[in-house]
ModelCIF file with pLDDT and N, C-alpha, C, O atoms, coordinates in Angstrom:
data_MODEL
#
_entry.id   MODEL 
#
_entity.id                         1 
_entity.type                       polymer 
_entity.pdbx_number_of_molecules   1 
#
_entity_poly.entity_id                      1 
_entity_poly.type                           'polypeptide(L)' 
_entity_poly.nstd_linkage                   no 
_entity_poly.nstd_monomer                   no 
_entity_poly.pdbx_seq_one_letter_code       PKYATLVKDDPDYNKRYSVGLTAGRVLMTNITNWAIARYIYKFDWAYI 
_entity_poly.pdbx_seq_one_letter_code_can   PKYATLVKDDPDYNKRYSVGLTAGRVLMTNITNWAIARYIYKFDWAYI 
_entity_poly.pdbx_strand_id                 A 
#
loop_
_entity_poly_seq.entity_id 
_entity_poly_seq.num 
_entity_poly_seq.mon_id 
_entity_poly_seq.hetero 
1 1  PRO n 
1 2  LYS n 
1 3  TYR n 
1 4  ALA n 
1 5  THR n 
1 6  LEU n 
1 7  VAL n 
1 8  LYS n 
1 9  ASP n 
1 10 ASP n 
1 11 PRO n 
1 12 ASP n 
1 13 TYR n 
1 14 ASN n 
1 15 LYS n 
1 16 ARG n 
1 17 TYR n 
1 18 SER n 
1 19 VAL n 
1 20 GLY n 
1 21 LEU n 
1 22 THR n 
1 23 ALA n 
1 24 GLY n 
1 25 ARG n 
1 26 VAL n 
1 27 LEU n 
1 28 MET n 
1 29 THR n 
1 30 ASN n 
1 31 ILE n 
1 32 THR n 
1 33 ASN n 
1 34 TRP n 
1 35 ALA n 
1 36 ILE n 
1 37 ALA n 
1 38 ARG n 
1 39 TYR n 
1 40 ILE n 
1 41 TYR n 
1 42 LYS n 
1 43 PHE n 
1 44 ASP n 
1 45 TRP n 
1 46 ALA n 
1 47 TYR n 
1 48 ILE n 
#
_struct_asym.id          A 
_struct_asym.entity_id   1 
#
loop_
_ma_qa_metric.id 
_ma_qa_metric.mode 
_ma_qa_metric.name 
_ma_qa_metric.software_group_id 
_ma_qa_metric.type 
1 global pLDDT . pLDDT 
2 local  pLDDT . pLDDT 
#
_ma_qa_metric_global.metric_id      1 
_ma_qa_metric_global.metric_value   89.38 
_ma_qa_metric_global.model_id       1 
_ma_qa_metric_global.ordinal_id     1 
#
loop_
_ma_qa_metric_local.label_asym_id 
_ma_qa_metric_local.label_comp_id 
_ma_qa_metric_local.label_seq_id 
_ma_qa_metric_local.metric_id 
_ma_qa_metric_local.metric_value 
_ma_qa_metric_local.model_id 
_ma_qa_metric_local.ordinal_id 
A PRO 1  2 31.00 1 1  
A LYS 2  2 30.00 1 2  
A TYR 3  2 30.00 1 3  
A ALA 4  2 41.00 1 4  
A THR 5  2 71.00 1 5  
A LEU 6  2 84.00 1 6  
A VAL 7  2 89.00 1 7  
A LYS 8  2 92.00 1 8  
A ASP 9  2 94.00 1 9  
A ASP 10 2 94.00 1 10 
A PRO 11 2 94.00 1 11 
A ASP 12 2 94.00 1 12 
A TYR 13 2 95.00 1 13 
A ASN 14 2 95.00 1 14 
A LYS 15 2 95.00 1 15 
A ARG 16 2 96.00 1 16 
A TYR 17 2 97.00 1 17 
A SER 18 2 97.00 1 18 
A VAL 19 2 97.00 1 19 
A GLY 20 2 97.00 1 20 
A LEU 21 2 97.00 1 21 
A THR 22 2 97.00 1 22 
A ALA 23 2 97.00 1 23 
A GLY 24 2 97.00 1 24 
A ARG 25 2 97.00 1 25 
A VAL 26 2 97.00 1 26 
A LEU 27 2 97.00 1 27 
A MET 28 2 96.00 1 28 
A THR 29 2 96.00 1 29 
A ASN 30 2 96.00 1 30 
A ILE 31 2 97.00 1 31 
A THR 32 2 95.00 1 32 
A ASN 33 2 95.00 1 33 
A TRP 34 2 96.00 1 34 
A ALA 35 2 96.00 1 35 
A ILE 36 2 95.00 1 36 
A ALA 37 2 95.00 1 37 
A ARG 38 2 95.00 1 38 
A TYR 39 2 95.00 1 39 
A ILE 40 2 96.00 1 40 
A TYR 41 2 94.00 1 41 
A LYS 42 2 94.00 1 42 
A PHE 43 2 94.00 1 43 
A ASP 44 2 94.00 1 44 
A TRP 45 2 93.00 1 45 
A ALA 46 2 95.00 1 46 
A TYR 47 2 96.00 1 47 
A ILE 48 2 95.00 1 48 
#
loop_
_atom_site.group_PDB 
_atom_site.id 
_atom_site.type_symbol 
_atom_site.label_atom_id 
_atom_site.label_alt_id 
_atom_site.label_comp_id 
_atom_site.label_asym_id 
_atom_site.label_entity_id 
_atom_site.label_seq_id 
_atom_site.pdbx_PDB_ins_code 
_atom_site.Cartn_x 
_atom_site.Cartn_y 
_atom_site.Cartn_z 
_atom_site.occupancy 
_atom_site.B_iso_or_equiv 
_atom_site.pdbx_formal_charge 
_atom_site.auth_seq_id 
_atom_site.auth_comp_id 
_atom_site.auth_asym_id 
_atom_site.auth_atom_id 
_atom_site.pdbx_PDB_model_num 
ATOM 1   N N  . PRO A 1 1  ? -19.664 22.326  9.705   1.00 31.00 ? 1  PRO A N  1 
ATOM 2   C CA . PRO A 1 1  ? -18.770 22.382  10.859  1.00 31.00 ? 1  PRO A CA 1 
ATOM 3   C C  . PRO A 1 1  ? -18.781 21.112  11.705  1.00 31.00 ? 1  PRO A C  1 
ATOM 4   O O  . PRO A 1 1  ? -17.909 20.931  12.554  1.00 31.00 ? 1  PRO A O  1 
ATOM 5   N N  . LYS A 1 2  ? -19.757 20.231  11.485  1.00 30.00 ? 2  LYS A N  1 
ATOM 6   C CA . LYS A 1 2  ? -19.866 19.047  12.328  1.00 30.00 ? 2  LYS A CA 1 
ATOM 7   C C  . LYS A 1 2  ? -18.759 18.039  12.050  1.00 30.00 ? 2  LYS A C  1 
ATOM 8   O O  . LYS A 1 2  ? -18.276 17.378  12.969  1.00 30.00 ? 2  LYS A O  1 
ATOM 9   N N  . TYR A 1 3  ? -18.354 17.915  10.781  1.00 30.00 ? 3  TYR A N  1 
ATOM 10  C CA . TYR A 1 3  ? -17.341 16.941  10.414  1.00 30.00 ? 3  TYR A CA 1 
ATOM 11  C C  . TYR A 1 3  ? -16.270 17.602  9.557   1.00 30.00 ? 3  TYR A C  1 
ATOM 12  O O  . TYR A 1 3  ? -16.555 18.530  8.801   1.00 30.00 ? 3  TYR A O  1 
ATOM 13  N N  . ALA A 1 4  ? -15.031 17.120  9.680   1.00 41.00 ? 4  ALA A N  1 
ATOM 14  C CA . ALA A 1 4  ? -13.966 17.558  8.793   1.00 41.00 ? 4  ALA A CA 1 
ATOM 15  C C  . ALA A 1 4  ? -13.985 16.714  7.526   1.00 41.00 ? 4  ALA A C  1 
ATOM 16  O O  . ALA A 1 4  ? -14.507 15.600  7.523   1.00 41.00 ? 4  ALA A O  1 
ATOM 17  N N  . THR A 1 5  ? -13.423 17.240  6.467   1.00 71.00 ? 5  THR A N  1 
ATOM 18  C CA . THR A 1 5  ? -13.352 16.522  5.217   1.00 71.00 ? 5  THR A CA 1 
ATOM 19  C C  . THR A 1 5  ? -12.191 15.546  5.248   1.00 71.00 ? 5  THR A C  1 
ATOM 20  O O  . THR A 1 5  ? -11.069 15.936  5.572   1.00 71.00 ? 5  THR A O  1 
ATOM 21  N N  . LEU A 1 6  ? -12.435 14.295  4.919   1.00 84.00 ? 6  LEU A N  1 
ATOM 22  C CA . LEU A 1 6  ? -11.370 13.301  4.850   1.00 84.00 ? 6  LEU A CA 1 
ATOM 23  C C  . LEU A 1 6  ? -10.697 13.377  3.488   1.00 84.00 ? 6  LEU A C  1 
ATOM 24  O O  . LEU A 1 6  ? -11.333 13.130  2.463   1.00 84.00 ? 6  LEU A O  1 
ATOM 25  N N  . VAL A 1 7  ? -9.413  13.717  3.473   1.00 89.00 ? 7  VAL A N  1 
ATOM 26  C CA . VAL A 1 7  ? -8.661  13.718  2.222   1.00 89.00 ? 7  VAL A CA 1 
ATOM 27  C C  . VAL A 1 7  ? -7.813  12.464  2.095   1.00 89.00 ? 7  VAL A C  1 
ATOM 28  O O  . VAL A 1 7  ? -7.063  12.319  1.130   1.00 89.00 ? 7  VAL A O  1 
ATOM 29  N N  . LYS A 1 8  ? -7.923  11.559  3.055   1.00 92.00 ? 8  LYS A N  1 
ATOM 30  C CA . LYS A 1 8  ? -7.330  10.229  2.977   1.00 92.00 ? 8  LYS A CA 1 
ATOM 31  C C  . LYS A 1 8  ? -8.055  9.362   3.997   1.00 92.00 ? 8  LYS A C  1 
ATOM 32  O O  . LYS A 1 8  ? -8.762  9.871   4.865   1.00 92.00 ? 8  LYS A O  1 
ATOM 33  N N  . ASP A 1 9  ? -7.875  8.053   3.888   1.00 94.00 ? 9  ASP A N  1 
ATOM 34  C CA . ASP A 1 9  ? -8.489  7.158   4.864   1.00 94.00 ? 9  ASP A CA 1 
ATOM 35  C C  . ASP A 1 9  ? -7.982  7.477   6.263   1.00 94.00 ? 9  ASP A C  1 
ATOM 36  O O  . ASP A 1 9  ? -6.800  7.764   6.450   1.00 94.00 ? 9  ASP A O  1 
ATOM 37  N N  . ASP A 1 10 ? -8.866  7.426   7.235   1.00 94.00 ? 10 ASP A N  1 
ATOM 38  C CA . ASP A 1 10 ? -8.504  7.728   8.613   1.00 94.00 ? 10 ASP A CA 1 
ATOM 39  C C  . ASP A 1 10 ? -7.545  6.658   9.144   1.00 94.00 ? 10 ASP A C  1 
ATOM 40  O O  . ASP A 1 10 ? -7.944  5.500   9.271   1.00 94.00 ? 10 ASP A O  1 
ATOM 41  N N  . PRO A 1 11 ? -6.288  7.013   9.458   1.00 94.00 ? 11 PRO A N  1 
ATOM 42  C CA . PRO A 1 11 ? -5.313  5.999   9.886   1.00 94.00 ? 11 PRO A CA 1 
ATOM 43  C C  . PRO A 1 11 ? -5.656  5.354   11.223  1.00 94.00 ? 11 PRO A C  1 
ATOM 44  O O  . PRO A 1 11 ? -5.178  4.255   11.503  1.00 94.00 ? 11 PRO A O  1 
ATOM 45  N N  . ASP A 1 12 ? -6.469  6.003   12.059  1.00 94.00 ? 12 ASP A N  1 
ATOM 46  C CA . ASP A 1 12 ? -6.861  5.406   13.338  1.00 94.00 ? 12 ASP A CA 1 
ATOM 47  C C  . ASP A 1 12 ? -7.734  4.172   13.144  1.00 94.00 ? 12 ASP A C  1 
ATOM 48  O O  . ASP A 1 12 ? -7.777  3.294   14.005  1.00 94.00 ? 12 ASP A O  1 
ATOM 49  N N  . TYR A 1 13 ? -8.432  4.107   12.003  1.00 95.00 ? 13 TYR A N  1 
ATOM 50  C CA . TYR A 1 13 ? -9.317  2.983   11.736  1.00 95.00 ? 13 TYR A CA 1 
ATOM 51  C C  . TYR A 1 13 ? -8.830  2.126   10.561  1.00 95.00 ? 13 TYR A C  1 
ATOM 52  O O  . TYR A 1 13 ? -9.461  1.124   10.224  1.00 95.00 ? 13 TYR A O  1 
ATOM 53  N N  . ASN A 1 14 ? -7.734  2.506   9.948   1.00 95.00 ? 14 ASN A N  1 
ATOM 54  C CA . ASN A 1 14 ? -7.170  1.785   8.812   1.00 95.00 ? 14 ASN A CA 1 
ATOM 55  C C  . ASN A 1 14 ? -5.668  1.663   9.005   1.00 95.00 ? 14 ASN A C  1 
ATOM 56  O O  . ASN A 1 14 ? -4.884  2.272   8.277   1.00 95.00 ? 14 ASN A O  1 
ATOM 57  N N  . LYS A 1 15 ? -5.279  0.871   9.990   1.00 95.00 ? 15 LYS A N  1 
ATOM 58  C CA . LYS A 1 15 ? -3.864  0.790   10.349  1.00 95.00 ? 15 LYS A CA 1 
ATOM 59  C C  . LYS A 1 15 ? -3.079  0.078   9.251   1.00 95.00 ? 15 LYS A C  1 
ATOM 60  O O  . LYS A 1 15 ? -3.629  -0.695  8.466   1.00 95.00 ? 15 LYS A O  1 
ATOM 61  N N  . ARG A 1 16 ? -1.793  0.359   9.220   1.00 96.00 ? 16 ARG A N  1 
ATOM 62  C CA . ARG A 1 16 ? -0.904  -0.284  8.260   1.00 96.00 ? 16 ARG A CA 1 
ATOM 63  C C  . ARG A 1 16 ? -0.388  -1.583  8.858   1.00 96.00 ? 16 ARG A C  1 
ATOM 64  O O  . ARG A 1 16 ? 0.233   -1.583  9.921   1.00 96.00 ? 16 ARG A O  1 
ATOM 65  N N  . TYR A 1 17 ? -0.647  -2.688  8.173   1.00 97.00 ? 17 TYR A N  1 
ATOM 66  C CA . TYR A 1 17 ? -0.171  -3.987  8.627   1.00 97.00 ? 17 TYR A CA 1 
ATOM 67  C C  . TYR A 1 17 ? 1.281   -4.198  8.190   1.00 97.00 ? 17 TYR A C  1 
ATOM 68  O O  . TYR A 1 17 ? 1.789   -3.472  7.336   1.00 97.00 ? 17 TYR A O  1 
ATOM 69  N N  . SER A 1 18 ? 1.930   -5.175  8.768   1.00 97.00 ? 18 SER A N  1 
ATOM 70  C CA . SER A 1 18 ? 3.360   -5.381  8.552   1.00 97.00 ? 18 SER A CA 1 
ATOM 71  C C  . SER A 1 18 ? 3.663   -5.738  7.101   1.00 97.00 ? 18 SER A C  1 
ATOM 72  O O  . SER A 1 18 ? 2.816   -6.265  6.380   1.00 97.00 ? 18 SER A O  1 
ATOM 73  N N  . VAL A 1 19 ? 4.885   -5.438  6.696   1.00 97.00 ? 19 VAL A N  1 
ATOM 74  C CA . VAL A 1 19 ? 5.331   -5.768  5.341   1.00 97.00 ? 19 VAL A CA 1 
ATOM 75  C C  . VAL A 1 19 ? 5.257   -7.275  5.121   1.00 97.00 ? 19 VAL A C  1 
ATOM 76  O O  . VAL A 1 19 ? 4.816   -7.730  4.066   1.00 97.00 ? 19 VAL A O  1 
ATOM 77  N N  . GLY A 1 20 ? 5.687   -8.050  6.118   1.00 97.00 ? 20 GLY A N  1 
ATOM 78  C CA . GLY A 1 20 ? 5.680   -9.498  5.971   1.00 97.00 ? 20 GLY A CA 1 
ATOM 79  C C  . GLY A 1 20 ? 4.293   -10.074 5.771   1.00 97.00 ? 20 GLY A C  1 
ATOM 80  O O  . GLY A 1 20 ? 4.090   -10.927 4.907   1.00 97.00 ? 20 GLY A O  1 
ATOM 81  N N  . LEU A 1 21 ? 3.335   -9.611  6.568   1.00 97.00 ? 21 LEU A N  1 
ATOM 82  C CA . LEU A 1 21 ? 1.960   -10.082 6.431   1.00 97.00 ? 21 LEU A CA 1 
ATOM 83  C C  . LEU A 1 21 ? 1.400   -9.727  5.061   1.00 97.00 ? 21 LEU A C  1 
ATOM 84  O O  . LEU A 1 21 ? 0.767   -10.555 4.406   1.00 97.00 ? 21 LEU A O  1 
ATOM 85  N N  . THR A 1 22 ? 1.637   -8.491  4.632   1.00 97.00 ? 22 THR A N  1 
ATOM 86  C CA . THR A 1 22 ? 1.104   -8.034  3.351   1.00 97.00 ? 22 THR A CA 1 
ATOM 87  C C  . THR A 1 22 ? 1.744   -8.795  2.195   1.00 97.00 ? 22 THR A C  1 
ATOM 88  O O  . THR A 1 22 ? 1.048   -9.226  1.275   1.00 97.00 ? 22 THR A O  1 
ATOM 89  N N  . ALA A 1 23 ? 3.070   -8.964  2.236   1.00 97.00 ? 23 ALA A N  1 
ATOM 90  C CA . ALA A 1 23 ? 3.753   -9.732  1.191   1.00 97.00 ? 23 ALA A CA 1 
ATOM 91  C C  . ALA A 1 23 ? 3.254   -11.175 1.163   1.00 97.00 ? 23 ALA A C  1 
ATOM 92  O O  . ALA A 1 23 ? 3.120   -11.768 0.092   1.00 97.00 ? 23 ALA A O  1 
ATOM 93  N N  . GLY A 1 24 ? 2.981   -11.736 2.334   1.00 97.00 ? 24 GLY A N  1 
ATOM 94  C CA . GLY A 1 24 ? 2.452   -13.095 2.389   1.00 97.00 ? 24 GLY A CA 1 
ATOM 95  C C  . GLY A 1 24 ? 1.092   -13.208 1.720   1.00 97.00 ? 24 GLY A C  1 
ATOM 96  O O  . GLY A 1 24 ? 0.801   -14.211 1.068   1.00 97.00 ? 24 GLY A O  1 
ATOM 97  N N  . ARG A 1 25 ? 0.260   -12.189 1.876   1.00 97.00 ? 25 ARG A N  1 
ATOM 98  C CA . ARG A 1 25 ? -1.056  -12.213 1.242   1.00 97.00 ? 25 ARG A CA 1 
ATOM 99  C C  . ARG A 1 25 ? -0.948  -12.027 -0.267  1.00 97.00 ? 25 ARG A C  1 
ATOM 100 O O  . ARG A 1 25 ? -1.747  -12.588 -1.018  1.00 97.00 ? 25 ARG A O  1 
ATOM 101 N N  . VAL A 1 26 ? 0.033   -11.243 -0.720  1.00 97.00 ? 26 VAL A N  1 
ATOM 102 C CA . VAL A 1 26 ? 0.287   -11.145 -2.163  1.00 97.00 ? 26 VAL A CA 1 
ATOM 103 C C  . VAL A 1 26 ? 0.708   -12.509 -2.696  1.00 97.00 ? 26 VAL A C  1 
ATOM 104 O O  . VAL A 1 26 ? 0.247   -12.932 -3.756  1.00 97.00 ? 26 VAL A O  1 
ATOM 105 N N  . LEU A 1 27 ? 1.587   -13.201 -1.960  1.00 97.00 ? 27 LEU A N  1 
ATOM 106 C CA . LEU A 1 27 ? 2.018   -14.537 -2.369  1.00 97.00 ? 27 LEU A CA 1 
ATOM 107 C C  . LEU A 1 27 ? 0.838   -15.498 -2.431  1.00 97.00 ? 27 LEU A C  1 
ATOM 108 O O  . LEU A 1 27 ? 0.752   -16.312 -3.351  1.00 97.00 ? 27 LEU A O  1 
ATOM 109 N N  . MET A 1 28 ? -0.072  -15.415 -1.464  1.00 96.00 ? 28 MET A N  1 
ATOM 110 C CA . MET A 1 28 ? -1.254  -16.278 -1.480  1.00 96.00 ? 28 MET A CA 1 
ATOM 111 C C  . MET A 1 28 ? -2.143  -15.988 -2.683  1.00 96.00 ? 28 MET A C  1 
ATOM 112 O O  . MET A 1 28 ? -2.798  -16.892 -3.202  1.00 96.00 ? 28 MET A O  1 
ATOM 113 N N  . THR A 1 29 ? -2.171  -14.726 -3.132  1.00 96.00 ? 29 THR A N  1 
ATOM 114 C CA . THR A 1 29 ? -2.907  -14.387 -4.351  1.00 96.00 ? 29 THR A CA 1 
ATOM 115 C C  . THR A 1 29 ? -2.340  -15.152 -5.533  1.00 96.00 ? 29 THR A C  1 
ATOM 116 O O  . THR A 1 29 ? -3.093  -15.699 -6.338  1.00 96.00 ? 29 THR A O  1 
ATOM 117 N N  . ASN A 1 30 ? -1.007  -15.194 -5.644  1.00 96.00 ? 30 ASN A N  1 
ATOM 118 C CA . ASN A 1 30 ? -0.371  -15.939 -6.725  1.00 96.00 ? 30 ASN A CA 1 
ATOM 119 C C  . ASN A 1 30 ? -0.652  -17.435 -6.617  1.00 96.00 ? 30 ASN A C  1 
ATOM 120 O O  . ASN A 1 30 ? -0.947  -18.090 -7.617  1.00 96.00 ? 30 ASN A O  1 
ATOM 121 N N  . ILE A 1 31 ? -0.562  -17.964 -5.420  1.00 97.00 ? 31 ILE A N  1 
ATOM 122 C CA . ILE A 1 31 ? -0.797  -19.395 -5.234  1.00 97.00 ? 31 ILE A CA 1 
ATOM 123 C C  . ILE A 1 31 ? -2.233  -19.756 -5.613  1.00 97.00 ? 31 ILE A C  1 
ATOM 124 O O  . ILE A 1 31 ? -2.472  -20.783 -6.246  1.00 97.00 ? 31 ILE A O  1 
ATOM 125 N N  . THR A 1 32 ? -3.178  -18.916 -5.226  1.00 95.00 ? 32 THR A N  1 
ATOM 126 C CA . THR A 1 32 ? -4.584  -19.171 -5.567  1.00 95.00 ? 32 THR A CA 1 
ATOM 127 C C  . THR A 1 32 ? -4.798  -19.127 -7.073  1.00 95.00 ? 32 THR A C  1 
ATOM 128 O O  . THR A 1 32 ? -5.445  -20.011 -7.635  1.00 95.00 ? 32 THR A O  1 
ATOM 129 N N  . ASN A 1 33 ? -4.255  -18.097 -7.733  1.00 95.00 ? 33 ASN A N  1 
ATOM 130 C CA . ASN A 1 33 ? -4.399  -17.983 -9.184  1.00 95.00 ? 33 ASN A CA 1 
ATOM 131 C C  . ASN A 1 33 ? -3.772  -19.179 -9.891  1.00 95.00 ? 33 ASN A C  1 
ATOM 132 O O  . ASN A 1 33 ? -4.341  -19.719 -10.840 1.00 95.00 ? 33 ASN A O  1 
ATOM 133 N N  . TRP A 1 34 ? -2.598  -19.587 -9.420  1.00 96.00 ? 34 TRP A N  1 
ATOM 134 C CA . TRP A 1 34 ? -1.931  -20.732 -10.039 1.00 96.00 ? 34 TRP A CA 1 
ATOM 135 C C  . TRP A 1 34 ? -2.743  -22.011 -9.837  1.00 96.00 ? 34 TRP A C  1 
ATOM 136 O O  . TRP A 1 34 ? -2.898  -22.791 -10.777 1.00 96.00 ? 34 TRP A O  1 
ATOM 137 N N  . ALA A 1 35 ? -3.256  -22.239 -8.644  1.00 96.00 ? 35 ALA A N  1 
ATOM 138 C CA . ALA A 1 35 ? -4.014  -23.456 -8.362  1.00 96.00 ? 35 ALA A CA 1 
ATOM 139 C C  . ALA A 1 35 ? -5.266  -23.548 -9.235  1.00 96.00 ? 35 ALA A C  1 
ATOM 140 O O  . ALA A 1 35 ? -5.604  -24.627 -9.721  1.00 96.00 ? 35 ALA A O  1 
ATOM 141 N N  . ILE A 1 36 ? -5.945  -22.437 -9.433  1.00 95.00 ? 36 ILE A N  1 
ATOM 142 C CA . ILE A 1 36 ? -7.132  -22.420 -10.307 1.00 95.00 ? 36 ILE A CA 1 
ATOM 143 C C  . ILE A 1 36 ? -6.734  -22.773 -11.738 1.00 95.00 ? 36 ILE A C  1 
ATOM 144 O O  . ILE A 1 36 ? -7.389  -23.582 -12.395 1.00 95.00 ? 36 ILE A O  1 
ATOM 145 N N  . ALA A 1 37 ? -5.631  -22.144 -12.219 1.00 95.00 ? 37 ALA A N  1 
ATOM 146 C CA . ALA A 1 37 ? -5.172  -22.418 -13.584 1.00 95.00 ? 37 ALA A CA 1 
ATOM 147 C C  . ALA A 1 37 ? -4.720  -23.859 -13.748 1.00 95.00 ? 37 ALA A C  1 
ATOM 148 O O  . ALA A 1 37 ? -4.965  -24.478 -14.783 1.00 95.00 ? 37 ALA A O  1 
ATOM 149 N N  . ARG A 1 38 ? -4.064  -24.389 -12.735 1.00 95.00 ? 38 ARG A N  1 
ATOM 150 C CA . ARG A 1 38 ? -3.490  -25.741 -12.834 1.00 95.00 ? 38 ARG A CA 1 
ATOM 151 C C  . ARG A 1 38 ? -4.533  -26.834 -12.645 1.00 95.00 ? 38 ARG A C  1 
ATOM 152 O O  . ARG A 1 38 ? -4.563  -27.785 -13.426 1.00 95.00 ? 38 ARG A O  1 
ATOM 153 N N  . TYR A 1 39 ? -5.380  -26.728 -11.641 1.00 95.00 ? 39 TYR A N  1 
ATOM 154 C CA . TYR A 1 39 ? -6.239  -27.845 -11.280 1.00 95.00 ? 39 TYR A CA 1 
ATOM 155 C C  . TYR A 1 39 ? -7.671  -27.725 -11.790 1.00 95.00 ? 39 TYR A C  1 
ATOM 156 O O  . TYR A 1 39 ? -8.372  -28.731 -11.890 1.00 95.00 ? 39 TYR A O  1 
ATOM 157 N N  . ILE A 1 40 ? -8.114  -26.522 -12.112 1.00 96.00 ? 40 ILE A N  1 
ATOM 158 C CA . ILE A 1 40 ? -9.471  -26.353 -12.650 1.00 96.00 ? 40 ILE A CA 1 
ATOM 159 C C  . ILE A 1 40 ? -9.430  -26.225 -14.171 1.00 96.00 ? 40 ILE A C  1 
ATOM 160 O O  . ILE A 1 40 ? -10.095 -26.980 -14.880 1.00 96.00 ? 40 ILE A O  1 
ATOM 161 N N  . TYR A 1 41 ? -8.639  -25.254 -14.675 1.00 94.00 ? 41 TYR A N  1 
ATOM 162 C CA . TYR A 1 41 ? -8.577  -25.040 -16.123 1.00 94.00 ? 41 TYR A CA 1 
ATOM 163 C C  . TYR A 1 41 ? -7.531  -25.907 -16.806 1.00 94.00 ? 41 TYR A C  1 
ATOM 164 O O  . TYR A 1 41 ? -7.592  -26.101 -18.020 1.00 94.00 ? 41 TYR A O  1 
ATOM 165 N N  . LYS A 1 42 ? -6.569  -26.433 -16.046 1.00 94.00 ? 42 LYS A N  1 
ATOM 166 C CA . LYS A 1 42 ? -5.525  -27.320 -16.563 1.00 94.00 ? 42 LYS A CA 1 
ATOM 167 C C  . LYS A 1 42 ? -4.762  -26.703 -17.741 1.00 94.00 ? 42 LYS A C  1 
ATOM 168 O O  . LYS A 1 42 ? -4.504  -27.369 -18.744 1.00 94.00 ? 42 LYS A O  1 
ATOM 169 N N  . PHE A 1 43 ? -4.403  -25.412 -17.603 1.00 94.00 ? 43 PHE A N  1 
ATOM 170 C CA . PHE A 1 43 ? -3.610  -24.749 -18.631 1.00 94.00 ? 43 PHE A CA 1 
ATOM 171 C C  . PHE A 1 43 ? -2.209  -25.353 -18.681 1.00 94.00 ? 43 PHE A C  1 
ATOM 172 O O  . PHE A 1 43 ? -1.625  -25.682 -17.648 1.00 94.00 ? 43 PHE A O  1 
ATOM 173 N N  . ASP A 1 44 ? -1.678  -25.494 -19.896 1.00 94.00 ? 44 ASP A N  1 
ATOM 174 C CA . ASP A 1 44 ? -0.346  -26.086 -20.063 1.00 94.00 ? 44 ASP A CA 1 
ATOM 175 C C  . ASP A 1 44 ? 0.728   -25.291 -19.325 1.00 94.00 ? 44 ASP A C  1 
ATOM 176 O O  . ASP A 1 44 ? 1.636   -25.870 -18.730 1.00 94.00 ? 44 ASP A O  1 
ATOM 177 N N  . TRP A 1 45 ? 0.623   -23.973 -19.365 1.00 93.00 ? 45 TRP A N  1 
ATOM 178 C CA . TRP A 1 45 ? 1.671   -23.139 -18.784 1.00 93.00 ? 45 TRP A CA 1 
ATOM 179 C C  . TRP A 1 45 ? 1.714   -23.219 -17.258 1.00 93.00 ? 45 TRP A C  1 
ATOM 180 O O  . TRP A 1 45 ? 2.678   -22.764 -16.643 1.00 93.00 ? 45 TRP A O  1 
ATOM 181 N N  . ALA A 1 46 ? 0.673   -23.798 -16.640 1.00 95.00 ? 46 ALA A N  1 
ATOM 182 C CA . ALA A 1 46 ? 0.616   -23.854 -15.181 1.00 95.00 ? 46 ALA A CA 1 
ATOM 183 C C  . ALA A 1 46 ? 1.268   -25.105 -14.607 1.00 95.00 ? 46 ALA A C  1 
ATOM 184 O O  . ALA A 1 46 ? 1.300   -25.278 -13.389 1.00 95.00 ? 46 ALA A O  1 
ATOM 185 N N  . TYR A 1 47 ? 1.792   -25.985 -15.470 1.00 96.00 ? 47 TYR A N  1 
ATOM 186 C CA . TYR A 1 47 ? 2.465   -27.196 -14.993 1.00 96.00 ? 47 TYR A CA 1 
ATOM 187 C C  . TYR A 1 47 ? 3.916   -26.835 -14.678 1.00 96.00 ? 47 TYR A C  1 
ATOM 188 O O  . TYR A 1 47 ? 4.788   -26.902 -15.545 1.00 96.00 ? 47 TYR A O  1 
ATOM 189 N N  . ILE A 1 48 ? 4.156   -26.457 -13.442 1.00 95.00 ? 48 ILE A N  1 
ATOM 190 C CA . ILE A 1 48 ? 5.459   -25.960 -13.030 1.00 95.00 ? 48 ILE A CA 1 
ATOM 191 C C  . ILE A 1 48 ? 6.147   -26.963 -12.097 1.00 95.00 ? 48 ILE A C  1 
ATOM 192 O O  . ILE A 1 48 ? 7.264   -26.717 -11.643 1.00 95.00 ? 48 ILE A O  1 
#
């Protein structure tokens, strides 16, 4: 009885950030992956 069961993350402590911010972070994931492939591993397909 002390605590309720969480069937999803508590939204009061896990707020939803804006679509733009989230999309920007997805884009940064791509940029990071590409930079590693291009400048560290020097894969042919990464020369864009």
